[in-house]
């Protein structure tokens, strides 16, 4: 049984979608959050 490309990429897409949506909601509501808060500090 092999894993299709869709099955392998779908969980990553869902995680990124939710992170971006949460970021956009926070920015829309006036939370002072920047790029370093979103992607993390090295």
Protein backbone atom coordinates (compact mmCIF):
# COMPACT_ATOMS: atom_id res chain seq x y z
CA UNK A 1 0.00 0.00 0.00
CA UNK A 2 1.51 3.31 -1.04
CA UNK A 3 0.78 6.80 0.23
CA UNK A 4 -0.38 9.19 -2.44
CA UNK A 5 1.04 12.71 -2.72
CA UNK A 6 -2.29 14.12 -1.49
CA UNK A 7 -2.34 11.93 1.61
CA UNK A 8 1.20 12.98 2.49
CA UNK A 9 0.67 16.74 1.97
CA UNK A 10 -2.85 17.20 3.35
CA UNK A 11 -1.92 17.27 7.08
CA UNK A 12 0.81 19.87 6.45
CA UNK A 13 -1.60 22.04 4.46
CA UNK A 14 -4.20 21.89 7.23
CA UNK A 15 -1.64 22.89 9.87
CA UNK A 16 -0.33 25.82 7.82
CA UNK A 17 -3.87 26.95 7.00
CA UNK A 18 -4.81 27.08 10.68
CA UNK A 19 -1.62 28.90 11.69
CA UNK A 20 -2.11 31.54 9.00
CA UNK A 21 -5.79 31.95 9.84
CA UNK A 22 -5.04 32.41 13.55
CA UNK A 23 -2.34 34.97 12.70
CA UNK A 24 -4.77 36.91 10.48
CA UNK A 25 -7.50 36.92 13.14
CA UNK A 26 -5.07 38.19 15.77
CA UNK A 27 -3.83 40.96 13.46
CA UNK A 28 -7.40 41.92 12.54
CA UNK A 29 -8.30 42.25 16.23
CA UNK A 30 -5.39 44.62 16.84
CA UNK A 31 -2.91 42.31 18.54
CA UNK A 32 0.62 43.68 18.07
CA UNK A 33 2.24 40.58 16.61
CA UNK A 34 5.05 40.63 14.08
CA UNK A 35 6.93 38.34 11.76
CA UNK A 36 9.32 37.15 14.48
CA UNK A 37 6.36 36.13 16.67
CA UNK A 38 4.85 34.22 13.77
CA UNK A 39 7.92 32.31 12.58
CA UNK A 40 9.84 32.16 15.84
CA UNK A 41 13.23 33.43 16.90
CA UNK A 42 16.41 31.65 15.77
